[in-house]
Amino acid sequence: MEQMKDAVAASAWSALEDGAHPEKQNEARNQQTRRTREIGATQMLHRMQRILIDLMDANKKEKKVAKKSVAGSLHTRIHTRDKQKHKKAIRLQAGIHAEDKLHTCDQCDKSFAHKRHLKEHMIIHNGEKPHTCDHCEKSFTCKDDLKKHMKTHTGEKPHTCDQCGKSFTCKEDLKKHMKIHTGEKPHTCDQCGKSFTCKEDLKKHMKIHTGEKPHT
């Protein structure tokens, strides 16, 4: 098609040079002008296509660089945050140990992380029982013990053994009960070596060695 256009244009231009009729000369000029415009438009289109391709390539490269930059930044933040958390944990742990040395009971040398815990502990030595049950007026040293006691009045037993289905008022009682199923006997008599599941049973057993008979 392009060769035919070139041939037509060449023929028209030849007719123009040979001194053809004025109308033919005008037609030849018009054909040559159109051809020149077509060539110019085609060249312009090719140039625009090349520019567009170059811009797209440049944009892709910029995106790749940006992605690498963002990924690197996130990666750095992860490690930085981990280090910060680690340092914070170390500082917190160091603070706890420092406080342990500051808040020590002068009665039994037991240490506490916070001063308020020491105050709660001192109630044991003072014999103070500020927390009283409003149902039976039984008093307790700490508030948690009162909460456990209150469940005896409400009949609430939220802690259930998954082995036998037996329920308990507090979680500590369930833990003691579970040792029956596991066979664990962590409380050992230092007199005869006999072991027991719970501390209360060991205390009862120790009375055999001491000769104590409280229920006489």
N, C-alpha and C. Protein backbone atom coordinates (compact mmCIF):
# COMPACT_ATOMS: atom_id res chain seq x y z
N MET A 1 0.84 -1.20 0.00
CA MET A 1 0.00 0.00 0.00
C MET A 1 0.87 1.25 0.00
N GLU A 2 1.92 1.23 0.84
CA GLU A 2 2.82 2.37 0.92
C GLU A 2 3.56 2.57 -0.40
N GLN A 3 3.93 1.45 -1.06
CA GLN A 3 4.62 1.53 -2.35
C GLN A 3 3.73 2.15 -3.41
N MET A 4 2.42 1.81 -3.37
CA MET A 4 1.48 2.38 -4.34
C MET A 4 1.35 3.88 -4.14
N LYS A 5 1.29 4.29 -2.85
CA LYS A 5 1.19 5.73 -2.56
C LYS A 5 2.43 6.46 -3.04
N ASP A 6 3.58 5.84 -2.83
CA ASP A 6 4.83 6.46 -3.29
C ASP A 6 4.85 6.57 -4.80
N ALA A 7 4.34 5.54 -5.48
CA ALA A 7 4.31 5.55 -6.95
C ALA A 7 3.39 6.64 -7.46
N VAL A 8 2.22 6.78 -6.82
CA VAL A 8 1.27 7.82 -7.23
C VAL A 8 1.87 9.19 -7.03
N ALA A 9 2.52 9.36 -5.86
CA ALA A 9 3.13 10.66 -5.58
C ALA A 9 4.24 10.97 -6.56
N ALA A 10 5.05 9.94 -6.90
CA ALA A 10 6.15 10.15 -7.86
C ALA A 10 5.61 10.50 -9.23
N SER A 11 4.53 9.83 -9.64
CA SER A 11 3.91 10.11 -10.94
C SER A 11 3.36 11.52 -10.98
N ALA A 12 2.72 11.91 -9.86
CA ALA A 12 2.16 13.26 -9.80
C ALA A 12 3.25 14.31 -9.85
N TRP A 13 4.32 14.04 -9.15
CA TRP A 13 5.43 15.01 -9.13
C TRP A 13 6.10 15.09 -10.50
N SER A 14 6.19 13.93 -11.20
CA SER A 14 6.77 13.90 -12.56
C SER A 14 5.91 14.71 -13.51
N ALA A 15 4.58 14.57 -13.35
CA ALA A 15 3.67 15.33 -14.20
C ALA A 15 3.82 16.81 -13.94
N LEU A 16 4.08 17.17 -12.69
CA LEU A 16 4.25 18.57 -12.33
C LEU A 16 5.51 19.13 -12.98
N GLU A 17 6.57 18.33 -13.02
CA GLU A 17 7.83 18.78 -13.60
C GLU A 17 7.76 18.84 -15.14
N ASP A 18 6.95 17.97 -15.74
CA ASP A 18 6.85 17.92 -17.21
C ASP A 18 5.96 19.01 -17.77
N GLY A 19 5.42 19.85 -16.92
CA GLY A 19 4.59 20.95 -17.41
C GLY A 19 3.21 20.51 -17.81
N ALA A 20 2.58 19.70 -17.00
CA ALA A 20 1.25 19.19 -17.30
C ALA A 20 0.21 20.29 -17.16
N HIS A 21 -1.04 19.94 -17.44
CA HIS A 21 -2.16 20.88 -17.35
C HIS A 21 -2.23 21.45 -15.94
N PRO A 22 -2.61 22.71 -15.79
CA PRO A 22 -2.66 23.35 -14.46
C PRO A 22 -3.49 22.56 -13.44
N GLU A 23 -4.63 21.98 -13.87
CA GLU A 23 -5.45 21.21 -12.93
C GLU A 23 -4.69 19.99 -12.41
N LYS A 24 -3.97 19.37 -13.38
CA LYS A 24 -3.18 18.20 -12.99
C LYS A 24 -2.03 18.61 -12.08
N GLN A 25 -1.49 19.80 -12.39
CA GLN A 25 -0.42 20.29 -11.53
C GLN A 25 -0.92 20.53 -10.10
N ASN A 26 -2.12 21.11 -9.99
CA ASN A 26 -2.71 21.34 -8.66
C ASN A 26 -2.97 20.02 -7.93
N GLU A 27 -3.49 19.05 -8.70
CA GLU A 27 -3.76 17.74 -8.10
C GLU A 27 -2.47 17.08 -7.62
N ALA A 28 -1.42 17.24 -8.45
CA ALA A 28 -0.12 16.66 -8.09
C ALA A 28 0.42 17.31 -6.82
N ARG A 29 0.26 18.63 -6.76
CA ARG A 29 0.72 19.33 -5.55
C ARG A 29 -0.05 18.86 -4.31
N ASN A 30 -1.38 18.72 -4.48
CA ASN A 30 -2.21 18.27 -3.35
C ASN A 30 -1.82 16.87 -2.87
N GLN A 31 -1.57 15.98 -3.86
CA GLN A 31 -1.16 14.62 -3.50
C GLN A 31 0.17 14.62 -2.75
N GLN A 32 1.08 15.45 -3.26
CA GLN A 32 2.39 15.52 -2.61
C GLN A 32 2.28 16.10 -1.20
N THR A 33 1.40 17.08 -1.05
CA THR A 33 1.20 17.69 0.27
C THR A 33 0.60 16.68 1.25
N ARG A 34 -0.44 15.93 0.75
CA ARG A 34 -1.05 14.92 1.61
C ARG A 34 -0.04 13.85 2.02
N ARG A 35 0.78 13.45 1.05
CA ARG A 35 1.79 12.42 1.33
C ARG A 35 2.79 12.91 2.38
N THR A 36 3.18 14.16 2.21
CA THR A 36 4.13 14.74 3.17
C THR A 36 3.53 14.79 4.56
N ARG A 37 2.24 15.17 4.62
CA ARG A 37 1.56 15.22 5.91
C ARG A 37 1.44 13.84 6.54
N GLU A 38 1.11 12.83 5.69
CA GLU A 38 0.99 11.46 6.19
C GLU A 38 2.31 10.97 6.76
N ILE A 39 3.38 11.25 6.01
CA ILE A 39 4.71 10.83 6.48
C ILE A 39 5.05 11.52 7.80
N GLY A 40 4.75 12.80 7.85
CA GLY A 40 5.02 13.56 9.08
C GLY A 40 4.21 13.04 10.25
N ALA A 41 2.92 12.73 10.00
CA ALA A 41 2.06 12.22 11.06
C ALA A 41 2.54 10.86 11.55
N THR A 42 2.97 10.01 10.58
CA THR A 42 3.47 8.68 10.95
C THR A 42 4.72 8.78 11.80
N GLN A 43 5.63 9.66 11.38
CA GLN A 43 6.86 9.85 12.14
C GLN A 43 6.56 10.39 13.55
N MET A 44 5.61 11.32 13.61
CA MET A 44 5.23 11.88 14.91
C MET A 44 4.63 10.80 15.82
N LEU A 45 3.81 9.91 15.20
CA LEU A 45 3.20 8.83 15.96
C LEU A 45 4.26 7.89 16.52
N HIS A 46 5.24 7.56 15.67
CA HIS A 46 6.33 6.69 16.13
C HIS A 46 7.11 7.33 17.27
N ARG A 47 7.37 8.63 17.14
CA ARG A 47 8.10 9.32 18.20
C ARG A 47 7.32 9.31 19.51
N MET A 48 5.99 9.56 19.39
CA MET A 48 5.15 9.56 20.60
C MET A 48 5.11 8.18 21.24
N GLN A 49 5.07 7.13 20.39
CA GLN A 49 5.07 5.77 20.92
C GLN A 49 6.36 5.47 21.67
N ARG A 50 7.49 5.91 21.10
CA ARG A 50 8.77 5.69 21.76
C ARG A 50 8.85 6.43 23.10
N ILE A 51 8.34 7.67 23.09
CA ILE A 51 8.34 8.47 24.33
C ILE A 51 7.47 7.80 25.39
N LEU A 52 6.29 7.30 24.95
CA LEU A 52 5.38 6.64 25.88
C LEU A 52 6.00 5.38 26.47
N ILE A 53 6.66 4.59 25.61
CA ILE A 53 7.33 3.37 26.07
C ILE A 53 8.43 3.70 27.07
N ASP A 54 9.21 4.75 26.75
CA ASP A 54 10.28 5.17 27.65
C ASP A 54 9.73 5.60 29.01
N LEU A 55 8.60 6.33 28.96
CA LEU A 55 7.98 6.78 30.21
C LEU A 55 7.47 5.60 31.04
N MET A 56 6.87 4.61 30.35
CA MET A 56 6.37 3.43 31.06
C MET A 56 7.51 2.65 31.69
N ASP A 57 8.61 2.51 30.95
CA ASP A 57 9.77 1.80 31.50
C ASP A 57 10.33 2.53 32.71
N ALA A 58 10.40 3.86 32.58
CA ALA A 58 10.92 4.65 33.70
C ALA A 58 10.01 4.53 34.92
N ASN A 59 8.69 4.50 34.67
CA ASN A 59 7.73 4.37 35.77
C ASN A 59 7.87 3.02 36.48
N LYS A 60 8.07 1.96 35.67
CA LYS A 60 8.26 0.63 36.25
C LYS A 60 9.51 0.59 37.13
N LYS A 61 10.58 1.21 36.63
CA LYS A 61 11.83 1.23 37.40
C LYS A 61 11.65 1.98 38.71
N GLU A 62 10.92 3.11 38.64
CA GLU A 62 10.67 3.90 39.85
C GLU A 62 9.86 3.10 40.87
N LYS A 63 8.85 2.34 40.36
CA LYS A 63 8.03 1.53 41.27
C LYS A 63 8.86 0.44 41.93
N LYS A 64 9.76 -0.20 41.16
CA LYS A 64 10.61 -1.23 41.73
C LYS A 64 11.51 -0.66 42.82
N VAL A 65 12.09 0.50 42.53
CA VAL A 65 12.96 1.16 43.51
C VAL A 65 12.16 1.52 44.76
N ALA A 66 10.93 2.03 44.54
CA ALA A 66 10.07 2.43 45.67
C ALA A 66 9.71 1.21 46.52
N LYS A 67 9.36 0.09 45.84
CA LYS A 67 9.01 -1.13 46.57
C LYS A 67 10.19 -1.62 47.41
N LYS A 68 11.39 -1.60 46.81
CA LYS A 68 12.57 -2.03 47.55
C LYS A 68 12.81 -1.12 48.74
N SER A 69 12.60 0.17 48.52
CA SER A 69 12.81 1.14 49.60
C SER A 69 11.83 0.93 50.74
N VAL A 70 10.54 0.71 50.38
CA VAL A 70 9.51 0.49 51.40
C VAL A 70 9.76 -0.82 52.14
N ALA A 71 10.09 -1.88 51.36
CA ALA A 71 10.36 -3.17 51.98
C ALA A 71 11.54 -3.08 52.94
N GLY A 72 12.59 -2.39 52.49
CA GLY A 72 13.76 -2.21 53.35
C GLY A 72 13.43 -1.44 54.60
N SER A 73 12.59 -0.41 54.44
CA SER A 73 12.19 0.40 55.59
C SER A 73 11.40 -0.42 56.59
N LEU A 74 10.43 -1.22 56.09
CA LEU A 74 9.62 -2.07 56.96
C LEU A 74 10.49 -3.11 57.67
N HIS A 75 11.43 -3.69 56.92
CA HIS A 75 12.32 -4.68 57.49
C HIS A 75 13.14 -4.08 58.63
N THR A 76 13.62 -2.86 58.39
CA THR A 76 14.41 -2.17 59.41
C THR A 76 13.56 -1.87 60.64
N ARG A 77 12.30 -1.45 60.39
CA ARG A 77 11.41 -1.13 61.51
C ARG A 77 11.15 -2.35 62.38
N ILE A 78 10.97 -3.51 61.71
CA ILE A 78 10.70 -4.75 62.45
C ILE A 78 11.82 -5.03 63.44
N HIS A 79 13.08 -4.98 62.92
CA HIS A 79 14.22 -5.25 63.79
C HIS A 79 14.37 -4.18 64.86
N THR A 80 14.12 -2.93 64.46
CA THR A 80 14.24 -1.83 65.42
C THR A 80 13.23 -1.98 66.54
N ARG A 81 11.97 -2.31 66.15
CA ARG A 81 10.93 -2.49 67.17
C ARG A 81 11.24 -3.66 68.08
N ASP A 82 11.76 -4.75 67.49
CA ASP A 82 12.11 -5.91 68.31
C ASP A 82 13.17 -5.53 69.35
N LYS A 83 14.16 -4.75 68.90
CA LYS A 83 15.21 -4.32 69.81
C LYS A 83 14.65 -3.41 70.90
N GLN A 84 13.74 -2.51 70.48
CA GLN A 84 13.14 -1.60 71.44
C GLN A 84 12.34 -2.37 72.49
N LYS A 85 11.54 -3.37 72.01
CA LYS A 85 10.76 -4.19 72.94
C LYS A 85 11.67 -4.95 73.89
N HIS A 86 12.78 -5.49 73.31
CA HIS A 86 13.72 -6.25 74.13
C HIS A 86 14.34 -5.36 75.20
N LYS A 87 14.74 -4.14 74.79
CA LYS A 87 15.33 -3.21 75.74
C LYS A 87 14.33 -2.81 76.82
N LYS A 88 13.07 -2.59 76.37
CA LYS A 88 12.02 -2.22 77.33
C LYS A 88 11.80 -3.34 78.34
N ALA A 89 11.79 -4.59 77.85
CA ALA A 89 11.60 -5.73 78.75
C ALA A 89 12.75 -5.83 79.75
N ILE A 90 13.97 -5.57 79.26
CA ILE A 90 15.14 -5.63 80.14
C ILE A 90 15.05 -4.55 81.22
N ARG A 91 14.65 -3.33 80.78
CA ARG A 91 14.51 -2.23 81.74
C ARG A 91 13.43 -2.55 82.78
N LEU A 92 12.31 -3.11 82.29
CA LEU A 92 11.22 -3.46 83.20
C LEU A 92 11.65 -4.53 84.20
N GLN A 93 12.35 -5.55 83.68
CA GLN A 93 12.82 -6.62 84.55
C GLN A 93 13.82 -6.08 85.57
N ALA A 94 14.70 -5.20 85.10
CA ALA A 94 15.69 -4.61 86.01
C ALA A 94 15.00 -3.79 87.09
N GLY A 95 13.93 -3.09 86.67
CA GLY A 95 13.17 -2.29 87.64
C GLY A 95 12.51 -3.15 88.68
N ILE A 96 11.98 -4.30 88.24
CA ILE A 96 11.33 -5.23 89.18
C ILE A 96 12.32 -5.75 90.20
N HIS A 97 13.52 -6.14 89.70
CA HIS A 97 14.53 -6.63 90.62
C HIS A 97 14.98 -5.55 91.59
N ALA A 98 15.06 -4.31 91.08
CA ALA A 98 15.46 -3.20 91.94
C ALA A 98 14.41 -2.96 93.01
N GLU A 99 13.13 -3.04 92.61
CA GLU A 99 12.05 -2.83 93.56
C GLU A 99 11.98 -3.96 94.58
N ASP A 100 12.35 -5.19 94.13
CA ASP A 100 12.36 -6.31 95.05
C ASP A 100 13.27 -6.03 96.25
N LYS A 101 14.35 -5.36 95.99
CA LYS A 101 15.30 -5.06 97.05
C LYS A 101 14.78 -3.94 97.96
N LEU A 102 13.90 -3.11 97.40
CA LEU A 102 13.41 -1.97 98.16
C LEU A 102 12.27 -2.34 99.10
N HIS A 103 11.38 -3.26 98.67
CA HIS A 103 10.17 -3.57 99.43
C HIS A 103 10.29 -4.96 100.06
N THR A 104 10.95 -5.02 101.19
CA THR A 104 11.19 -6.28 101.89
C THR A 104 10.53 -6.26 103.27
N CYS A 105 9.88 -7.36 103.59
CA CYS A 105 9.22 -7.48 104.89
C CYS A 105 10.28 -7.64 106.00
N ASP A 106 10.18 -6.83 107.06
CA ASP A 106 11.15 -6.90 108.15
C ASP A 106 10.81 -8.00 109.15
N GLN A 107 9.70 -8.73 108.90
CA GLN A 107 9.30 -9.82 109.79
C GLN A 107 9.81 -11.17 109.28
N CYS A 108 9.72 -11.36 107.96
CA CYS A 108 10.11 -12.67 107.39
C CYS A 108 11.06 -12.56 106.21
N ASP A 109 11.51 -11.33 105.90
CA ASP A 109 12.45 -11.07 104.79
C ASP A 109 11.90 -11.40 103.41
N LYS A 110 10.60 -11.56 103.32
CA LYS A 110 9.99 -11.79 102.00
C LYS A 110 9.96 -10.48 101.23
N SER A 111 10.28 -10.54 99.91
CA SER A 111 10.37 -9.32 99.10
C SER A 111 9.22 -9.22 98.11
N PHE A 112 8.90 -7.98 97.74
CA PHE A 112 7.78 -7.71 96.83
C PHE A 112 8.17 -6.67 95.80
N ALA A 113 7.54 -6.78 94.63
CA ALA A 113 7.84 -5.87 93.52
C ALA A 113 7.28 -4.47 93.78
N HIS A 114 6.16 -4.39 94.48
CA HIS A 114 5.51 -3.10 94.72
C HIS A 114 5.23 -2.91 96.20
N LYS A 115 5.21 -1.67 96.59
CA LYS A 115 5.02 -1.32 98.00
C LYS A 115 3.64 -1.75 98.50
N ARG A 116 2.64 -1.64 97.64
CA ARG A 116 1.28 -2.00 98.05
C ARG A 116 1.17 -3.49 98.37
N HIS A 117 1.97 -4.31 97.65
CA HIS A 117 1.97 -5.74 97.93
C HIS A 117 2.59 -6.02 99.30
N LEU A 118 3.59 -5.22 99.64
CA LEU A 118 4.20 -5.37 100.97
C LEU A 118 3.20 -5.01 102.06
N LYS A 119 2.43 -3.95 101.82
CA LYS A 119 1.41 -3.54 102.80
C LYS A 119 0.37 -4.63 103.01
N GLU A 120 -0.05 -5.25 101.90
CA GLU A 120 -1.02 -6.34 102.00
C GLU A 120 -0.44 -7.52 102.77
N HIS A 121 0.85 -7.78 102.53
CA HIS A 121 1.52 -8.89 103.21
C HIS A 121 1.65 -8.63 104.72
N MET A 122 1.92 -7.40 105.10
CA MET A 122 2.11 -7.06 106.51
C MET A 122 0.87 -7.34 107.35
N ILE A 123 -0.29 -7.35 106.70
CA ILE A 123 -1.54 -7.65 107.42
C ILE A 123 -1.49 -9.04 108.05
N ILE A 124 -0.77 -9.97 107.39
CA ILE A 124 -0.64 -11.34 107.91
C ILE A 124 0.05 -11.33 109.26
N HIS A 125 1.13 -10.55 109.36
CA HIS A 125 1.88 -10.48 110.61
C HIS A 125 1.11 -9.72 111.69
N ASN A 126 0.36 -8.72 111.26
CA ASN A 126 -0.40 -7.92 112.23
C ASN A 126 -1.64 -8.63 112.75
N GLY A 127 -2.05 -9.68 112.02
CA GLY A 127 -3.25 -10.40 112.42
C GLY A 127 -4.53 -9.67 112.03
N GLU A 128 -4.36 -8.63 111.23
CA GLU A 128 -5.51 -7.83 110.81
C GLU A 128 -6.31 -8.56 109.73
N LYS A 129 -7.63 -8.51 109.85
CA LYS A 129 -8.53 -9.12 108.86
C LYS A 129 -9.62 -8.11 108.51
N PRO A 130 -9.29 -7.19 107.61
CA PRO A 130 -10.22 -6.09 107.32
C PRO A 130 -11.38 -6.45 106.41
N HIS A 131 -11.31 -7.61 105.75
CA HIS A 131 -12.34 -7.98 104.77
C HIS A 131 -13.32 -8.97 105.41
N THR A 132 -14.54 -8.50 105.65
CA THR A 132 -15.54 -9.29 106.38
C THR A 132 -16.72 -9.67 105.49
N CYS A 133 -17.14 -10.92 105.61
CA CYS A 133 -18.30 -11.42 104.86
C CYS A 133 -19.57 -10.85 105.48
N ASP A 134 -20.44 -10.30 104.66
CA ASP A 134 -21.68 -9.70 105.17
C ASP A 134 -22.78 -10.74 105.37
N HIS A 135 -22.45 -12.03 105.10
CA HIS A 135 -23.43 -13.10 105.32
C HIS A 135 -23.21 -13.80 106.67
N CYS A 136 -21.94 -14.06 106.96
CA CYS A 136 -21.65 -14.79 108.20
C CYS A 136 -20.65 -14.07 109.09
N GLU A 137 -20.21 -12.88 108.65
CA GLU A 137 -19.29 -12.03 109.40
C GLU A 137 -17.91 -12.65 109.60
N LYS A 138 -17.59 -13.67 108.81
CA LYS A 138 -16.25 -14.23 108.85
C LYS A 138 -15.29 -13.24 108.19
N SER A 139 -14.11 -13.06 108.77
CA SER A 139 -13.16 -12.06 108.27
C SER A 139 -11.95 -12.72 107.62
N PHE A 140 -11.36 -11.96 106.69
CA PHE A 140 -10.22 -12.48 105.93
C PHE A 140 -9.13 -11.42 105.82
N THR A 141 -7.92 -11.91 105.65
CA THR A 141 -6.77 -11.01 105.54
C THR A 141 -6.78 -10.23 104.24
N CYS A 142 -7.06 -10.92 103.13
CA CYS A 142 -7.04 -10.24 101.83
C CYS A 142 -8.40 -10.36 101.13
N LYS A 143 -8.62 -9.48 100.20
CA LYS A 143 -9.90 -9.39 99.51
C LYS A 143 -10.18 -10.63 98.66
N ASP A 144 -9.12 -11.21 98.06
CA ASP A 144 -9.30 -12.39 97.22
C ASP A 144 -9.86 -13.57 98.02
N ASP A 145 -9.39 -13.70 99.26
CA ASP A 145 -9.91 -14.78 100.11
C ASP A 145 -11.39 -14.58 100.42
N LEU A 146 -11.79 -13.32 100.58
CA LEU A 146 -13.20 -13.03 100.82
C LEU A 146 -14.04 -13.39 99.60
N LYS A 147 -13.52 -13.09 98.41
CA LYS A 147 -14.24 -13.42 97.17
C LYS A 147 -14.45 -14.93 97.05
N LYS A 148 -13.41 -15.69 97.36
CA LYS A 148 -13.53 -17.15 97.31
C LYS A 148 -14.57 -17.64 98.31
N HIS A 149 -14.54 -17.04 99.50
CA HIS A 149 -15.49 -17.43 100.55
C HIS A 149 -16.93 -17.13 100.15
N MET A 150 -17.15 -16.02 99.48
CA MET A 150 -18.50 -15.61 99.09
C MET A 150 -19.17 -16.65 98.19
N LYS A 151 -18.36 -17.40 97.44
CA LYS A 151 -18.91 -18.42 96.55
C LYS A 151 -19.53 -19.58 97.33
N THR A 152 -19.11 -19.75 98.59
CA THR A 152 -19.72 -20.81 99.41
C THR A 152 -21.16 -20.46 99.76
N HIS A 153 -21.46 -19.17 99.80
CA HIS A 153 -22.84 -18.74 100.09
C HIS A 153 -23.70 -18.78 98.83
N THR A 154 -23.11 -18.45 97.71
CA THR A 154 -23.88 -18.42 96.46
C THR A 154 -24.01 -19.80 95.84
N GLY A 155 -23.14 -20.74 96.27
CA GLY A 155 -23.16 -22.09 95.70
C GLY A 155 -22.50 -22.16 94.34
N GLU A 156 -21.83 -21.09 93.96
CA GLU A 156 -21.18 -21.04 92.64
C GLU A 156 -19.95 -21.94 92.62
N LYS A 157 -19.87 -22.79 91.60
CA LYS A 157 -18.71 -23.66 91.41
C LYS A 157 -18.32 -23.66 89.93
N PRO A 158 -17.65 -22.62 89.50
CA PRO A 158 -17.36 -22.45 88.07
C PRO A 158 -16.21 -23.30 87.54
N HIS A 159 -15.42 -23.89 88.44
CA HIS A 159 -14.24 -24.64 88.01
C HIS A 159 -14.52 -26.14 88.05
N THR A 160 -14.60 -26.74 86.86
CA THR A 160 -15.00 -28.15 86.75
C THR A 160 -13.86 -29.02 86.23
N CYS A 161 -13.70 -30.18 86.83
CA CYS A 161 -12.68 -31.14 86.41
C CYS A 161 -13.12 -31.82 85.12
N ASP A 162 -12.25 -31.84 84.12
CA ASP A 162 -12.60 -32.46 82.84
C ASP A 162 -12.40 -33.97 82.86
N GLN A 163 -11.91 -34.51 83.99
CA GLN A 163 -11.71 -35.95 84.12
C GLN A 163 -12.93 -36.65 84.73
N CYS A 164 -13.48 -36.03 85.77
CA CYS A 164 -14.59 -36.68 86.47
C CYS A 164 -15.83 -35.80 86.60
N GLY A 165 -15.72 -34.54 86.18
CA GLY A 165 -16.88 -33.65 86.21
C GLY A 165 -17.15 -32.98 87.54
N LYS A 166 -16.30 -33.21 88.53
CA LYS A 166 -16.49 -32.58 89.84
C LYS A 166 -16.18 -31.09 89.75
N SER A 167 -16.99 -30.28 90.42
CA SER A 167 -16.84 -28.82 90.35
C SER A 167 -16.34 -28.25 91.67
N PHE A 168 -15.67 -27.10 91.55
CA PHE A 168 -15.08 -26.48 92.73
C PHE A 168 -15.35 -24.98 92.72
N THR A 169 -15.30 -24.43 93.93
CA THR A 169 -15.57 -23.01 94.09
C THR A 169 -14.44 -22.15 93.53
N CYS A 170 -13.21 -22.54 93.80
CA CYS A 170 -12.07 -21.74 93.33
C CYS A 170 -11.11 -22.59 92.50
N LYS A 171 -10.31 -21.92 91.72
CA LYS A 171 -9.40 -22.58 90.79
C LYS A 171 -8.32 -23.37 91.53
N GLU A 172 -7.89 -22.87 92.68
CA GLU A 172 -6.85 -23.54 93.46
C GLU A 172 -7.31 -24.93 93.91
N ASP A 173 -8.59 -25.01 94.30
CA ASP A 173 -9.14 -26.32 94.72
C ASP A 173 -9.18 -27.30 93.55
N LEU A 174 -9.46 -26.79 92.36
CA LEU A 174 -9.46 -27.66 91.17
C LEU A 174 -8.05 -28.17 90.89
N LYS A 175 -7.06 -27.30 91.04
CA LYS A 175 -5.67 -27.71 90.81
C LYS A 175 -5.25 -28.81 91.79
N LYS A 176 -5.66 -28.66 93.04
CA LYS A 176 -5.36 -29.69 94.03
C LYS A 176 -6.03 -31.00 93.67
N HIS A 177 -7.28 -30.91 93.23
CA HIS A 177 -8.05 -32.10 92.86
C HIS A 177 -7.41 -32.82 91.67
N MET A 178 -6.91 -32.08 90.71
CA MET A 178 -6.33 -32.67 89.50
C MET A 178 -5.13 -33.56 89.81
N LYS A 179 -4.46 -33.29 90.92
CA LYS A 179 -3.31 -34.11 91.31
C LYS A 179 -3.73 -35.54 91.65
N ILE A 180 -4.99 -35.72 92.02
CA ILE A 180 -5.51 -37.07 92.28
C ILE A 180 -5.48 -37.88 91.00
N HIS A 181 -5.87 -37.25 89.90
CA HIS A 181 -5.89 -37.94 88.60
C HIS A 181 -4.49 -38.14 88.04
N THR A 182 -3.61 -37.20 88.27
CA THR A 182 -2.24 -37.31 87.73
C THR A 182 -1.34 -38.17 88.61
N GLY A 183 -1.78 -38.39 89.87
CA GLY A 183 -0.97 -39.18 90.79
C GLY A 183 0.17 -38.39 91.41
N GLU A 184 0.15 -37.09 91.20
CA GLU A 184 1.21 -36.24 91.72
C GLU A 184 1.08 -36.08 93.24
N LYS A 185 2.22 -36.23 93.94
CA LYS A 185 2.26 -36.05 95.40
C LYS A 185 3.48 -35.21 95.76
N PRO A 186 3.34 -33.90 95.61
CA PRO A 186 4.50 -33.02 95.79
C PRO A 186 4.86 -32.72 97.25
N HIS A 187 3.98 -33.06 98.19
CA HIS A 187 4.21 -32.71 99.60
C HIS A 187 4.71 -33.94 100.36
N THR A 188 5.99 -33.91 100.73
CA THR A 188 6.65 -35.07 101.35
C THR A 188 7.01 -34.79 102.80
N CYS A 189 6.78 -35.77 103.63
CA CYS A 189 7.13 -35.67 105.06
C CYS A 189 8.64 -35.82 105.23
N ASP A 190 9.26 -34.87 105.92
CA ASP A 190 10.71 -34.94 106.10
C ASP A 190 11.10 -35.88 107.25
N GLN A 191 10.10 -36.47 107.89
CA GLN A 191 10.37 -37.41 108.99
C GLN A 191 10.41 -38.86 108.50
N CYS A 192 9.45 -39.20 107.65
CA CYS A 192 9.37 -40.60 107.19
C CYS A 192 9.37 -40.75 105.67
N GLY A 193 9.35 -39.63 104.95
CA GLY A 193 9.40 -39.68 103.49
C GLY A 193 8.09 -39.96 102.80
N LYS A 194 7.01 -40.05 103.55
CA LYS A 194 5.70 -40.29 102.95
C LYS A 194 5.23 -39.04 102.22
N SER A 195 4.61 -39.24 101.05
CA SER A 195 4.18 -38.10 100.22
C SER A 195 2.67 -38.00 100.17
N PHE A 196 2.22 -36.77 99.93
CA PHE A 196 0.78 -36.49 99.91
C PHE A 196 0.42 -35.57 98.74
N THR A 197 -0.83 -35.69 98.32
CA THR A 197 -1.31 -34.89 97.19
C THR A 197 -1.42 -33.41 97.56
N CYS A 198 -1.97 -33.12 98.72
CA CYS A 198 -2.15 -31.72 99.11
C CYS A 198 -1.45 -31.43 100.44
N LYS A 199 -1.19 -30.17 100.65
CA LYS A 199 -0.45 -29.72 101.82
C LYS A 199 -1.21 -29.98 103.11
N GLU A 200 -2.54 -29.87 103.05
CA GLU A 200 -3.36 -30.09 104.24
C GLU A 200 -3.20 -31.52 104.78
N ASP A 201 -3.12 -32.49 103.84
CA ASP A 201 -2.94 -33.88 104.26
C ASP A 201 -1.58 -34.09 104.92
N LEU A 202 -0.58 -33.38 104.42
CA LEU A 202 0.75 -33.47 105.03
C LEU A 202 0.72 -32.90 106.45
N LYS A 203 0.02 -31.79 106.63
CA LYS A 203 -0.08 -31.19 107.97
C LYS A 203 -0.75 -32.14 108.95
N LYS A 204 -1.81 -32.80 108.50
CA LYS A 204 -2.50 -33.77 109.36
C LYS A 204 -1.56 -34.92 109.72
N HIS A 205 -0.79 -35.37 108.73
CA HIS A 205 0.15 -36.48 108.94
C HIS A 205 1.25 -36.09 109.93
N MET A 206 1.72 -34.86 109.87
CA MET A 206 2.82 -34.41 110.73
C MET A 206 2.45 -34.49 112.22
N LYS A 207 1.16 -34.42 112.50
CA LYS A 207 0.71 -34.50 113.90
C LYS A 207 0.99 -35.87 114.50
N ILE A 208 1.14 -36.87 113.63
CA ILE A 208 1.49 -38.22 114.11
C ILE A 208 2.88 -38.20 114.72
N HIS A 209 3.78 -37.49 114.05
CA HIS A 209 5.17 -37.42 114.52
C HIS A 209 5.31 -36.50 115.73
N THR A 210 4.51 -35.45 115.78
CA THR A 210 4.61 -34.51 116.91
C THR A 210 3.84 -34.99 118.12
N GLY A 211 2.93 -35.97 117.92
CA GLY A 211 2.14 -36.48 119.03
C GLY A 211 0.97 -35.58 119.37
N GLU A 212 0.70 -34.61 118.52
CA GLU A 212 -0.39 -33.68 118.76
C GLU A 212 -1.73 -34.37 118.57
N LYS A 213 -2.65 -34.15 119.52
CA LYS A 213 -4.00 -34.71 119.44
C LYS A 213 -5.00 -33.61 119.73
N PRO A 214 -5.31 -32.81 118.71
CA PRO A 214 -6.17 -31.66 118.93
C PRO A 214 -7.62 -32.02 119.22
N HIS A 215 -8.06 -33.19 118.75
CA HIS A 215 -9.47 -33.56 118.91
C HIS A 215 -9.62 -34.65 119.98
N THR A 216 -9.26 -34.32 121.17
CA THR A 216 -9.34 -35.29 122.27
C THR A 216 -10.49 -34.93 123.20
